[in-house]
Amino acid sequence: MPQLLIRGIKPEDVCEISKPLVEELAEICECETDNFMLECLHTTSIFDGKVVETFPFIEVVWFERGQAVRDQFAEAVTKHVRALDIPEVEVAFRVFREDSYYINGVCCL
């Protein structure tokens, strides 16, 4: 169920890396590729009264898998994004709790 909320990277660039990225992330997380969703968010960034380019930022929303998996996941995301000639990207994780996550009205706990 990991979702990658992507800002500051063109959707066509995300499409280019999506298949190998998701395959590597599935291996790291020991799950199927259909568990992943990549979402390109349109963001308008403003600085000093002007519209500016949005900094590449990827927020990963998931159930916690531990520090070692988180490190590998962030490294893989960074590697694939930097292969697009993007020199710097930030990755942050937001964790869902199973007792607060529902699928079709049923708690995942």
PDB file of N, CA and C in Angstrom:
ATOM      1  N   MET A   1       0.788  -1.194   0.000  1.00  0.00           N
ATOM      2  CA  MET A   1       0.000   0.000   0.000  1.00  0.00           C
ATOM      3  C   MET A   1       0.834   1.264   0.000  1.00  0.00           C
ATOM      4  N   PRO A   2       2.148   1.175  -0.096  1.00  0.00           N
ATOM      5  CA  PRO A   2       2.895   2.433  -0.094  1.00  0.00           C
ATOM      6  C   PRO A   2       2.445   3.352  -1.226  1.00  0.00           C
ATOM      7  N   GLN A   3       2.184   4.596  -0.861  1.00  0.00           N
ATOM      8  CA  GLN A   3       1.858   5.628  -1.834  1.00  0.00           C
ATOM      9  C   GLN A   3       3.016   6.605  -1.877  1.00  0.00           C
ATOM     10  N   LEU A   4       3.422   6.990  -3.074  1.00  0.00           N
ATOM     11  CA  LEU A   4       4.451   7.997  -3.236  1.00  0.00           C
ATOM     12  C   LEU A   4       3.786   9.246  -3.794  1.00  0.00           C
ATOM     13  N   LEU A   5       3.750  10.300  -2.996  1.00  0.00           N
ATOM     14  CA  LEU A   5       3.163  11.572  -3.391  1.00  0.00           C
ATOM     15  C   LEU A   5       4.307  12.442  -3.886  1.00  0.00           C
ATOM     16  N   ILE A   6       4.304  12.719  -5.169  1.00  0.00           N
ATOM     17  CA  ILE A   6       5.468  13.304  -5.835  1.00  0.00           C
ATOM     18  C   ILE A   6       5.163  14.741  -6.247  1.00  0.00           C
ATOM     19  N   ARG A   7       6.037  15.654  -5.814  1.00  0.00           N
ATOM     20  CA  ARG A   7       5.927  17.058  -6.188  1.00  0.00           C
ATOM     21  C   ARG A   7       7.224  17.489  -6.856  1.00  0.00           C
ATOM     22  N   GLY A   8       7.106  18.396  -7.811  1.00  0.00           N
ATOM     23  CA  GLY A   8       8.291  18.981  -8.426  1.00  0.00           C
ATOM     24  C   GLY A   8       8.977  18.127  -9.481  1.00  0.00           C
ATOM     25  N   ILE A   9       8.330  17.054  -9.916  1.00  0.00           N
ATOM     26  CA  ILE A   9       8.870  16.192 -10.977  1.00  0.00           C
ATOM     27  C   ILE A   9       7.757  16.001 -11.997  1.00  0.00           C
ATOM     28  N   LYS A  10       8.075  16.213 -13.273  1.00  0.00           N
ATOM     29  CA  LYS A  10       7.067  16.113 -14.325  1.00  0.00           C
ATOM     30  C   LYS A  10       6.507  14.689 -14.412  1.00  0.00           C
ATOM     31  N   PRO A  11       5.198  14.569 -14.614  1.00  0.00           N
ATOM     32  CA  PRO A  11       4.576  13.242 -14.728  1.00  0.00           C
ATOM     33  C   PRO A  11       5.231  12.356 -15.782  1.00  0.00           C
ATOM     34  N   GLU A  12       5.628  12.930 -16.921  1.00  0.00           N
ATOM     35  CA  GLU A  12       6.260  12.106 -17.956  1.00  0.00           C
ATOM     36  C   GLU A  12       7.609  11.567 -17.480  1.00  0.00           C
ATOM     37  N   ASP A  13       8.306  12.304 -16.621  1.00  0.00           N
ATOM     38  CA  ASP A  13       9.555  11.803 -16.051  1.00  0.00           C
ATOM     39  C   ASP A  13       9.283  10.679 -15.051  1.00  0.00           C
ATOM     40  N   VAL A  14       8.232  10.830 -14.269  1.00  0.00           N
ATOM     41  CA  VAL A  14       7.860   9.769 -13.317  1.00  0.00           C
ATOM     42  C   VAL A  14       7.471   8.510 -14.089  1.00  0.00           C
ATOM     43  N   CYS A  15       6.745   8.677 -15.190  1.00  0.00           N
ATOM     44  CA  CYS A  15       6.382   7.517 -16.023  1.00  0.00           C
ATOM     45  C   CYS A  15       7.626   6.771 -16.489  1.00  0.00           C
ATOM     46  N   GLU A  16       8.648   7.521 -16.849  1.00  0.00           N
ATOM     47  CA  GLU A  16       9.890   6.927 -17.359  1.00  0.00           C
ATOM     48  C   GLU A  16      10.549   5.994 -16.336  1.00  0.00           C
ATOM     49  N   ILE A  17      10.511   6.352 -15.067  1.00  0.00           N
ATOM     50  CA  ILE A  17      11.172   5.546 -14.034  1.00  0.00           C
ATOM     51  C   ILE A  17      10.211   4.640 -13.272  1.00  0.00           C
ATOM     52  N   SER A  18       8.917   4.769 -13.525  1.00  0.00           N
ATOM     53  CA  SER A  18       7.928   4.101 -12.671  1.00  0.00           C
ATOM     54  C   SER A  18       8.076   2.584 -12.616  1.00  0.00           C
ATOM     55  N   LYS A  19       8.238   1.933 -13.749  1.00  0.00           N
ATOM     56  CA  LYS A  19       8.296   0.462 -13.751  1.00  0.00           C
ATOM     57  C   LYS A  19       9.527  -0.066 -13.009  1.00  0.00           C
ATOM     58  N   PRO A  20      10.747   0.369 -13.347  1.00  0.00           N
ATOM     59  CA  PRO A  20      11.892  -0.156 -12.602  1.00  0.00           C
ATOM     60  C   PRO A  20      11.898   0.280 -11.134  1.00  0.00           C
ATOM     61  N   LEU A  21      11.391   1.476 -10.858  1.00  0.00           N
ATOM     62  CA  LEU A  21      11.333   1.938  -9.469  1.00  0.00           C
ATOM     63  C   LEU A  21      10.405   1.056  -8.651  1.00  0.00           C
ATOM     64  N   VAL A  22       9.198   0.837  -9.139  1.00  0.00           N
ATOM     65  CA  VAL A  22       8.223   0.033  -8.398  1.00  0.00           C
ATOM     66  C   VAL A  22       8.706  -1.407  -8.260  1.00  0.00           C
ATOM     67  N   GLU A  23       9.341  -1.946  -9.273  1.00  0.00           N
ATOM     68  CA  GLU A  23       9.875  -3.313  -9.172  1.00  0.00           C
ATOM     69  C   GLU A  23      10.914  -3.402  -8.054  1.00  0.00           C
ATOM     70  N   GLU A  24      11.797  -2.407  -7.971  1.00  0.00           N
ATOM     71  CA  GLU A  24      12.810  -2.418  -6.908  1.00  0.00           C
ATOM     72  C   GLU A  24      12.177  -2.211  -5.537  1.00  0.00           C
ATOM     73  N   LEU A  25      11.210  -1.309  -5.448  1.00  0.00           N
ATOM     74  CA  LEU A  25      10.556  -1.066  -4.155  1.00  0.00           C
ATOM     75  C   LEU A  25       9.778  -2.297  -3.689  1.00  0.00           C
ATOM     76  N   ALA A  26       9.148  -3.006  -4.607  1.00  0.00           N
ATOM     77  CA  ALA A  26       8.422  -4.228  -4.244  1.00  0.00           C
ATOM     78  C   ALA A  26       9.376  -5.278  -3.689  1.00  0.00           C
ATOM     79  N   GLU A  27      10.552  -5.367  -4.290  1.00  0.00           N
ATOM     80  CA  GLU A  27      11.559  -6.309  -3.788  1.00  0.00           C
ATOM     81  C   GLU A  27      12.006  -5.913  -2.380  1.00  0.00           C
ATOM     82  N   ILE A  28      12.242  -4.635  -2.178  1.00  0.00           N
ATOM     83  CA  ILE A  28      12.670  -4.152  -0.857  1.00  0.00           C
ATOM     84  C   ILE A  28      11.604  -4.420   0.194  1.00  0.00           C
ATOM     85  N   CYS A  29      10.341  -4.172  -0.162  1.00  0.00           N
ATOM     86  CA  CYS A  29       9.229  -4.326   0.793  1.00  0.00           C
ATOM     87  C   CYS A  29       8.679  -5.744   0.857  1.00  0.00           C
ATOM     88  N   GLU A  30       9.196  -6.620  -0.008  1.00  0.00           N
ATOM     89  CA  GLU A  30       8.738  -8.009  -0.070  1.00  0.00           C
ATOM     90  C   GLU A  30       7.230  -8.085  -0.285  1.00  0.00           C
ATOM     91  N   CYS A  31       6.771  -7.369  -1.331  1.00  0.00           N
ATOM     92  CA  CYS A  31       5.357  -7.399  -1.685  1.00  0.00           C
ATOM     93  C   CYS A  31       5.227  -7.303  -3.207  1.00  0.00           C
ATOM     94  N   GLU A  32       4.022  -7.342  -3.690  1.00  0.00           N
ATOM     95  CA  GLU A  32       3.765  -7.280  -5.133  1.00  0.00           C
ATOM     96  C   GLU A  32       3.805  -5.834  -5.626  1.00  0.00           C
ATOM     97  N   THR A  33       4.069  -5.666  -6.892  1.00  0.00           N
ATOM     98  CA  THR A  33       4.142  -4.318  -7.473  1.00  0.00           C
ATOM     99  C   THR A  33       2.793  -3.603  -7.457  1.00  0.00           C
ATOM    100  N   ASP A  34       1.686  -4.355  -7.453  1.00  0.00           N
ATOM    101  CA  ASP A  34       0.372  -3.707  -7.458  1.00  0.00           C
ATOM    102  C   ASP A  34       0.005  -3.088  -6.113  1.00  0.00           C
ATOM    103  N   ASN A  35       0.899  -3.189  -5.138  1.00  0.00           N
ATOM    104  CA  ASN A  35       0.684  -2.543  -3.843  1.00  0.00           C
ATOM    105  C   ASN A  35       1.055  -1.061  -3.875  1.00  0.00           C
ATOM    106  N   PHE A  36       1.711  -0.608  -4.932  1.00  0.00           N
ATOM    107  CA  PHE A  36       2.260   0.748  -4.981  1.00  0.00           C
ATOM    108  C   PHE A  36       1.406   1.680  -5.825  1.00  0.00           C
ATOM    109  N   MET A  37       1.351   2.933  -5.401  1.00  0.00           N
ATOM    110  CA  MET A  37       0.682   3.966  -6.175  1.00  0.00           C
ATOM    111  C   MET A  37       1.598   5.178  -6.210  1.00  0.00           C
ATOM    112  N   LEU A  38       1.895   5.646  -7.424  1.00  0.00           N
ATOM    113  CA  LEU A  38       2.676   6.864  -7.605  1.00  0.00           C
ATOM    114  C   LEU A  38       1.702   7.965  -8.002  1.00  0.00           C
ATOM    115  N   GLU A  39       1.722   9.064  -7.281  1.00  0.00           N
ATOM    116  CA  GLU A  39       0.821  10.171  -7.572  1.00  0.00           C
ATOM    117  C   GLU A  39       1.639  11.431  -7.798  1.00  0.00           C
ATOM    118  N   CYS A  40       1.488  12.027  -8.966  1.00  0.00           N
ATOM    119  CA  CYS A  40       2.161  13.293  -9.282  1.00  0.00           C
ATOM    120  C   CYS A  40       1.204  14.421  -8.928  1.00  0.00           C
ATOM    121  N   LEU A  41       1.592  15.208  -7.961  1.00  0.00           N
ATOM    122  CA  LEU A  41       0.742  16.291  -7.487  1.00  0.00           C
ATOM    123  C   LEU A  41       1.138  17.599  -8.157  1.00  0.00           C
ATOM    124  N   HIS A  42       0.150  18.320  -8.654  1.00  0.00           N
ATOM    125  CA  HIS A  42       0.438  19.644  -9.194  1.00  0.00           C
ATOM    126  C   HIS A  42       0.567  20.600  -8.013  1.00  0.00           C
ATOM    127  N   THR A  43       1.682  21.271  -7.941  1.00  0.00           N
ATOM    128  CA  THR A  43       1.946  22.208  -6.863  1.00  0.00           C
ATOM    129  C   THR A  43       2.454  23.509  -7.461  1.00  0.00           C
ATOM    130  N   THR A  44       1.928  24.599  -6.993  1.00  0.00           N
ATOM    131  CA  THR A  44       2.439  25.903  -7.396  1.00  0.00           C
ATOM    132  C   THR A  44       3.229  26.456  -6.220  1.00  0.00           C
ATOM    133  N   SER A  45       4.518  26.632  -6.422  1.00  0.00           N
ATOM    134  CA  SER A  45       5.388  27.129  -5.362  1.00  0.00           C
ATOM    135  C   SER A  45       5.610  28.629  -5.548  1.00  0.00           C
ATOM    136  N   ILE A  46       5.576  29.337  -4.444  1.00  0.00           N
ATOM    137  CA  ILE A  46       5.742  30.781  -4.477  1.00  0.00           C
ATOM    138  C   ILE A  46       6.842  31.180  -3.508  1.00  0.00           C
ATOM    139  N   PHE A  47       7.738  32.030  -3.985  1.00  0.00           N
ATOM    140  CA  PHE A  47       8.809  32.575  -3.147  1.00  0.00           C
ATOM    141  C   PHE A  47       9.019  34.033  -3.518  1.00  0.00           C
ATOM    142  N   ASP A  48       9.064  34.858  -2.508  1.00  0.00           N
ATOM    143  CA  ASP A  48       9.349  36.276  -2.710  1.00  0.00           C
ATOM    144  C   ASP A  48       8.385  36.920  -3.709  1.00  0.00           C
ATOM    145  N   GLY A  49       7.110  36.536  -3.616  1.00  0.00           N
ATOM    146  CA  GLY A  49       6.090  37.137  -4.462  1.00  0.00           C
ATOM    147  C   GLY A  49       6.053  36.641  -5.892  1.00  0.00           C
ATOM    148  N   LYS A  50       6.797  35.572  -6.182  1.00  0.00           N
ATOM    149  CA  LYS A  50       6.852  35.044  -7.554  1.00  0.00           C
ATOM    150  C   LYS A  50       6.631  33.532  -7.551  1.00  0.00           C
ATOM    151  N   VAL A  51       6.054  33.068  -8.653  1.00  0.00           N
ATOM    152  CA  VAL A  51       5.929  31.624  -8.845  1.00  0.00           C
ATOM    153  C   VAL A  51       7.309  31.093  -9.215  1.00  0.00           C
ATOM    154  N   VAL A  52       7.749  30.049  -8.508  1.00  0.00           N
ATOM    155  CA  VAL A  52       9.063  29.455  -8.744  1.00  0.00           C
ATOM    156  C   VAL A  52       8.907  27.958  -8.976  1.00  0.00           C
ATOM    157  N   GLU A  53       9.947  27.349  -9.492  1.00  0.00           N
ATOM    158  CA  GLU A  53       9.942  25.910  -9.724  1.00  0.00           C
ATOM    159  C   GLU A  53       9.826  25.178  -8.383  1.00  0.00           C
ATOM    160  N   THR A  54       9.021  24.126  -8.365  1.00  0.00           N
ATOM    161  CA  THR A  54       8.839  23.346  -7.138  1.00  0.00           C
ATOM    162  C   THR A  54      10.006  22.397  -6.943  1.00  0.00           C
ATOM    163  N   PHE A  55      10.533  22.366  -5.722  1.00  0.00           N
ATOM    164  CA  PHE A  55      11.651  21.486  -5.394  1.00  0.00           C
ATOM    165  C   PHE A  55      11.175  20.031  -5.425  1.00  0.00           C
ATOM    166  N   PRO A  56      11.972  19.126  -5.992  1.00  0.00           N
ATOM    167  CA  PRO A  56      11.588  17.707  -6.019  1.00  0.00           C
ATOM    168  C   PRO A  56      11.468  17.137  -4.596  1.00  0.00           C
ATOM    169  N   PHE A  57      10.276  16.697  -4.273  1.00  0.00           N
ATOM    170  CA  PHE A  57       9.988  16.181  -2.929  1.00  0.00           C
ATOM    171  C   PHE A  57       9.040  15.009  -3.069  1.00  0.00           C
ATOM    172  N   ILE A  58       9.372  13.907  -2.420  1.00  0.00           N
ATOM    173  CA  ILE A  58       8.530  12.708  -2.457  1.00  0.00           C
ATOM    174  C   ILE A  58       8.171  12.322  -1.034  1.00  0.00           C
ATOM    175  N   GLU A  59       6.870  12.278  -0.788  1.00  0.00           N
ATOM    176  CA  GLU A  59       6.369  11.845   0.511  1.00  0.00           C
ATOM    177  C   GLU A  59       5.869  10.415   0.367  1.00  0.00           C
ATOM    178  N   VAL A  60       6.381   9.545   1.195  1.00  0.00           N
ATOM    179  CA  VAL A  60       5.982   8.137   1.184  1.00  0.00           C
ATOM    180  C   VAL A  60       5.008   7.924   2.338  1.00  0.00           C
ATOM    181  N   VAL A  61       3.824   7.454   2.003  1.00  0.00           N
ATOM    182  CA  VAL A  61       2.807   7.179   3.013  1.00  0.00           C
ATOM    183  C   VAL A  61       2.633   5.669   3.051  1.00  0.00           C
ATOM    184  N   TRP A  62       2.846   5.088   4.255  1.00  0.00           N
ATOM    185  CA  TRP A  62       2.846   3.629   4.336  1.00  0.00           C
ATOM    186  C   TRP A  62       2.665   3.158   5.765  1.00  0.00           C
ATOM    187  N   PHE A  63       2.607   1.825   5.933  1.00  0.00           N
ATOM    188  CA  PHE A  63       2.692   1.205   7.252  1.00  0.00           C
ATOM    189  C   PHE A  63       4.174   0.987   7.528  1.00  0.00           C
ATOM    190  N   GLU A  64       4.605   1.280   8.726  1.00  0.00           N
ATOM    191  CA  GLU A  64       6.027   1.208   9.088  1.00  0.00           C
ATOM    192  C   GLU A  64       6.604  -0.173   8.796  1.00  0.00           C
ATOM    193  N   ARG A  65       7.816  -0.187   8.271  1.00  0.00           N
ATOM    194  CA  ARG A  65       8.514  -1.430   7.939  1.00  0.00           C
ATOM    195  C   ARG A  65       9.902  -1.489   8.571  1.00  0.00           C
ATOM    196  N   GLY A  66      10.242  -0.523   9.402  1.00  0.00           N
ATOM    197  CA  GLY A  66      11.532  -0.539  10.087  1.00  0.00           C
ATOM    198  C   GLY A  66      12.578   0.323   9.394  1.00  0.00           C
ATOM    199  N   GLN A  67      13.598   0.681  10.167  1.00  0.00           N
ATOM    200  CA  GLN A  67      14.642   1.594   9.692  1.00  0.00           C
ATOM    201  C   GLN A  67      15.411   1.043   8.492  1.00  0.00           C
ATOM    202  N   ALA A  68      15.757  -0.232   8.509  1.00  0.00           N
ATOM    203  CA  ALA A  68      16.546  -0.806   7.411  1.00  0.00           C
ATOM    204  C   ALA A  68      15.777  -0.743   6.091  1.00  0.00           C
ATOM    205  N   VAL A  69      14.493  -1.093   6.107  1.00  0.00           N
ATOM    206  CA  VAL A  69      13.676  -1.048   4.894  1.00  0.00           C
ATOM    207  C   VAL A  69      13.477   0.402   4.473  1.00  0.00           C
ATOM    208  N   ARG A  70      13.232   1.278   5.437  1.00  0.00           N
ATOM    209  CA  ARG A  70      13.047   2.704   5.130  1.00  0.00           C
ATOM    210  C   ARG A  70      14.296   3.272   4.454  1.00  0.00           C
ATOM    211  N   ASP A  71      15.477   2.929   4.963  1.00  0.00           N
ATOM    212  CA  ASP A  71      16.734   3.401   4.362  1.00  0.00           C
ATOM    213  C   ASP A  71      16.893   2.900   2.930  1.00  0.00           C
ATOM    214  N   GLN A  72      16.626   1.618   2.696  1.00  0.00           N
ATOM    215  CA  GLN A  72      16.742   1.042   1.353  1.00  0.00           C
ATOM    216  C   GLN A  72      15.735   1.676   0.403  1.00  0.00           C
ATOM    217  N   PHE A  73      14.526   1.897   0.894  1.00  0.00           N
ATOM    218  CA  PHE A  73      13.451   2.488   0.103  1.00  0.00           C
ATOM    219  C   PHE A  73      13.844   3.900  -0.338  1.00  0.00           C
ATOM    220  N   ALA A  74      14.298   4.708   0.608  1.00  0.00           N
ATOM    221  CA  ALA A  74      14.696   6.087   0.296  1.00  0.00           C
ATOM    222  C   ALA A  74      15.872   6.111  -0.678  1.00  0.00           C
ATOM    223  N   GLU A  75      16.810   5.199  -0.499  1.00  0.00           N
ATOM    224  CA  GLU A  75      17.968   5.121  -1.388  1.00  0.00           C
ATOM    225  C   GLU A  75      17.531   4.763  -2.816  1.00  0.00           C
ATOM    226  N   ALA A  76      16.606   3.822  -2.942  1.00  0.00           N
ATOM    227  CA  ALA A  76      16.127   3.409  -4.266  1.00  0.00           C
ATOM    228  C   ALA A  76      15.373   4.558  -4.944  1.00  0.00           C
ATOM    229  N   VAL A  77      14.500   5.226  -4.223  1.00  0.00           N
ATOM    230  CA  VAL A  77      13.757   6.352  -4.787  1.00  0.00           C
ATOM    231  C   VAL A  77      14.731   7.417  -5.268  1.00  0.00           C
ATOM    232  N   THR A  78      15.687   7.760  -4.426  1.00  0.00           N
ATOM    233  CA  THR A  78      16.669   8.790  -4.763  1.00  0.00           C
ATOM    234  C   THR A  78      17.465   8.409  -6.012  1.00  0.00           C
ATOM    235  N   LYS A  79      17.901   7.163  -6.081  1.00  0.00           N
ATOM    236  CA  LYS A  79      18.681   6.689  -7.230  1.00  0.00           C
ATOM    237  C   LYS A  79      17.906   6.852  -8.531  1.00  0.00           C
ATOM    238  N   HIS A  80      16.642   6.435  -8.540  1.00  0.00           N
ATOM    239  CA  HIS A  80      15.843   6.502  -9.761  1.00  0.00           C
ATOM    240  C   HIS A  80      15.530   7.946 -10.152  1.00  0.00           C
ATOM    241  N   VAL A  81      15.244   8.788  -9.192  1.00  0.00           N
ATOM    242  CA  VAL A  81      14.959  10.196  -9.495  1.00  0.00           C
ATOM    243  C   VAL A  81      16.212  10.898 -10.005  1.00  0.00           C
ATOM    244  N   ARG A  82      17.342  10.634  -9.398  1.00  0.00           N
ATOM    245  CA  ARG A  82      18.583  11.282  -9.837  1.00  0.00           C
ATOM    246  C   ARG A  82      18.998  10.815 -11.230  1.00  0.00           C
ATOM    247  N   ALA A  83      18.547   9.636 -11.631  1.00  0.00           N
ATOM    248  CA  ALA A  83      18.819   9.151 -12.991  1.00  0.00           C
ATOM    249  C   ALA A  83      18.115  10.003 -14.042  1.00  0.00           C
ATOM    250  N   LEU A  84      17.175  10.828 -13.617  1.00  0.00           N
ATOM    251  CA  LEU A  84      16.472  11.748 -14.514  1.00  0.00           C
ATOM    252  C   LEU A  84      17.223  13.075 -14.650  1.00  0.00           C
ATOM    253  N   ASP A  85      18.463  13.104 -14.197  1.00  0.00           N
ATOM    254  CA  ASP A  85      19.269  14.323 -14.174  1.00  0.00           C
ATOM    255  C   ASP A  85      18.694  15.367 -13.227  1.00  0.00           C
ATOM    256  N   ILE A  86      18.071  14.907 -12.175  1.00  0.00           N
ATOM    257  CA  ILE A  86      17.605  15.779 -11.099  1.00  0.00           C
ATOM    258  C   ILE A  86      18.650  15.660  -9.992  1.00  0.00           C
ATOM    259  N   PRO A  87      19.374  16.738  -9.710  1.00  0.00           N
ATOM    260  CA  PRO A  87      20.531  16.640  -8.825  1.00  0.00           C
ATOM    261  C   PRO A  87      20.217  16.426  -7.345  1.00  0.00           C
ATOM    262  N   GLU A  88      19.008  16.816  -6.928  1.00  0.00           N
ATOM    263  CA  GLU A  88      18.696  16.701  -5.503  1.00  0.00           C
ATOM    264  C   GLU A  88      17.209  16.420  -5.337  1.00  0.00           C
ATOM    265  N   VAL A  89      16.891  15.523  -4.436  1.00  0.00           N
ATOM    266  CA  VAL A  89      15.502  15.181  -4.132  1.00  0.00           C
ATOM    267  C   VAL A  89      15.425  14.861  -2.644  1.00  0.00           C
ATOM    268  N   GLU A  90      14.308  15.202  -2.049  1.00  0.00           N
ATOM    269  CA  GLU A  90      14.084  14.863  -0.646  1.00  0.00           C
ATOM    270  C   GLU A  90      12.959  13.847  -0.561  1.00  0.00           C
ATOM    271  N   VAL A  91      13.116  12.905   0.372  1.00  0.00           N
ATOM    272  CA  VAL A  91      12.128  11.854   0.597  1.00  0.00           C
ATOM    273  C   VAL A  91      11.773  11.884   2.083  1.00  0.00           C
ATOM    274  N   ALA A  92      10.479  11.894   2.374  1.00  0.00           N
ATOM    275  CA  ALA A  92      10.014  11.870   3.761  1.00  0.00           C
ATOM    276  C   ALA A  92       8.948  10.791   3.893  1.00  0.00           C
ATOM    277  N   PHE A  93       8.856  10.231   5.076  1.00  0.00           N
ATOM    278  CA  PHE A  93       7.909   9.143   5.326  1.00  0.00           C
ATOM    279  C   PHE A  93       6.840   9.594   6.320  1.00  0.00           C
ATOM    280  N   ARG A  94       5.603   9.250   5.994  1.00  0.00           N
ATOM    281  CA  ARG A  94       4.480   9.445   6.912  1.00  0.00           C
ATOM    282  C   ARG A  94       3.887   8.063   7.157  1.00  0.00           C
ATOM    283  N   VAL A  95       3.671   7.736   8.409  1.00  0.00           N
ATOM    284  CA  VAL A  95       3.275   6.372   8.776  1.00  0.00           C
ATOM    285  C   VAL A  95       1.803   6.330   9.173  1.00  0.00           C
ATOM    286  N   PHE A  96       1.082   5.390   8.550  1.00  0.00           N
ATOM    287  CA  PHE A  96      -0.284   5.095   8.964  1.00  0.00           C
ATOM    288  C   PHE A  96      -0.241   4.060  10.082  1.00  0.00           C
ATOM    289  N   ARG A  97      -1.189   4.164  11.000  1.00  0.00           N
ATOM    290  CA  ARG A  97      -1.356   3.144  12.037  1.00  0.00           C
ATOM    291  C   ARG A  97      -2.477   2.213  11.596  1.00  0.00           C
ATOM    292  N   GLU A  98      -2.268   0.912  11.783  1.00  0.00           N
ATOM    293  CA  GLU A  98      -3.272  -0.060  11.352  1.00  0.00           C
ATOM    294  C   GLU A  98      -4.614   0.148  12.036  1.00  0.00           C
ATOM    295  N   ASP A  99      -4.608   0.616  13.307  1.00  0.00           N
ATOM    296  CA  ASP A  99      -5.871   0.811  14.024  1.00  0.00           C
ATOM    297  C   ASP A  99      -6.606   2.072  13.564  1.00  0.00           C
ATOM    298  N   SER A 100      -5.983   2.859  12.691  1.00  0.00           N
ATOM    299  CA  SER A 100      -6.608   4.077  12.179  1.00  0.00           C
ATOM    300  C   SER A 100      -6.801   4.031  10.668  1.00  0.00           C
ATOM    301  N   TYR A 101      -6.646   2.861  10.076  1.00  0.00           N
ATOM    302  CA  TYR A 101      -6.751   2.702   8.619  1.00  0.00           C
ATOM    303  C   TYR A 101      -7.874   1.718   8.329  1.00  0.00           C
ATOM    304  N   TYR A 102      -8.794   2.128   7.465  1.00  0.00           N
ATOM    305  CA  TYR A 102      -9.963   1.307   7.154  1.00  0.00           C
ATOM    306  C   TYR A 102     -10.037   1.046   5.655  1.00  0.00           C
ATOM    307  N   ILE A 103     -10.418  -0.160   5.315  1.00  0.00           N
ATOM    308  CA  ILE A 103     -10.687  -0.521   3.918  1.00  0.00           C
ATOM    309  C   ILE A 103     -12.155  -0.958   3.861  1.00  0.00           C
ATOM    310  N   ASN A 104     -12.950  -0.254   3.084  1.00  0.00           N
ATOM    311  CA  ASN A 104     -14.377  -0.517   2.974  1.00  0.00           C
ATOM    312  C   ASN A 104     -15.050  -0.559   4.344  1.00  0.00           C
ATOM    313  N   GLY A 105     -14.625   0.356   5.211  1.00  0.00           N
ATOM    314  CA  GLY A 105     -15.254   0.474   6.527  1.00  0.00           C
ATOM    315  C   GLY A 105     -14.771  -0.516   7.558  1.00  0.00           C
ATOM    316  N   VAL A 106     -13.784  -1.339   7.211  1.00  0.00           N
ATOM    317  CA  VAL A 106     -13.273  -2.361   8.141  1.00  0.00           C
ATOM    318  C   VAL A 106     -11.842  -1.981   8.551  1.00  0.00           C
ATOM    319  N   CYS A 107     -11.611  -1.947   9.838  1.00  0.00           N
ATOM    320  CA  CYS A 107     -10.294  -1.610  10.385  1.00  0.00           C
ATOM    321  C   CYS A 107      -9.283  -2.674   9.998  1.00  0.00           C
ATOM    322  N   CYS A 108      -8.079  -2.228   9.683  1.00  0.00           N
ATOM    323  CA  CYS A 108      -7.014  -3.149   9.251  1.00  0.00           C
ATOM    324  C   CYS A 108      -6.300  -3.815  10.417  1.00  0.00           C
ATOM    325  N   LEU A 109      -6.696  -3.529  11.619  1.00  0.00           N
ATOM    326  CA  LEU A 109      -6.041  -4.101  12.796  1.00  0.00           C
ATOM    327  C   LEU A 109      -6.355  -5.564  12.952  1.00  0.00           C
TER     328      LEU A 109
END
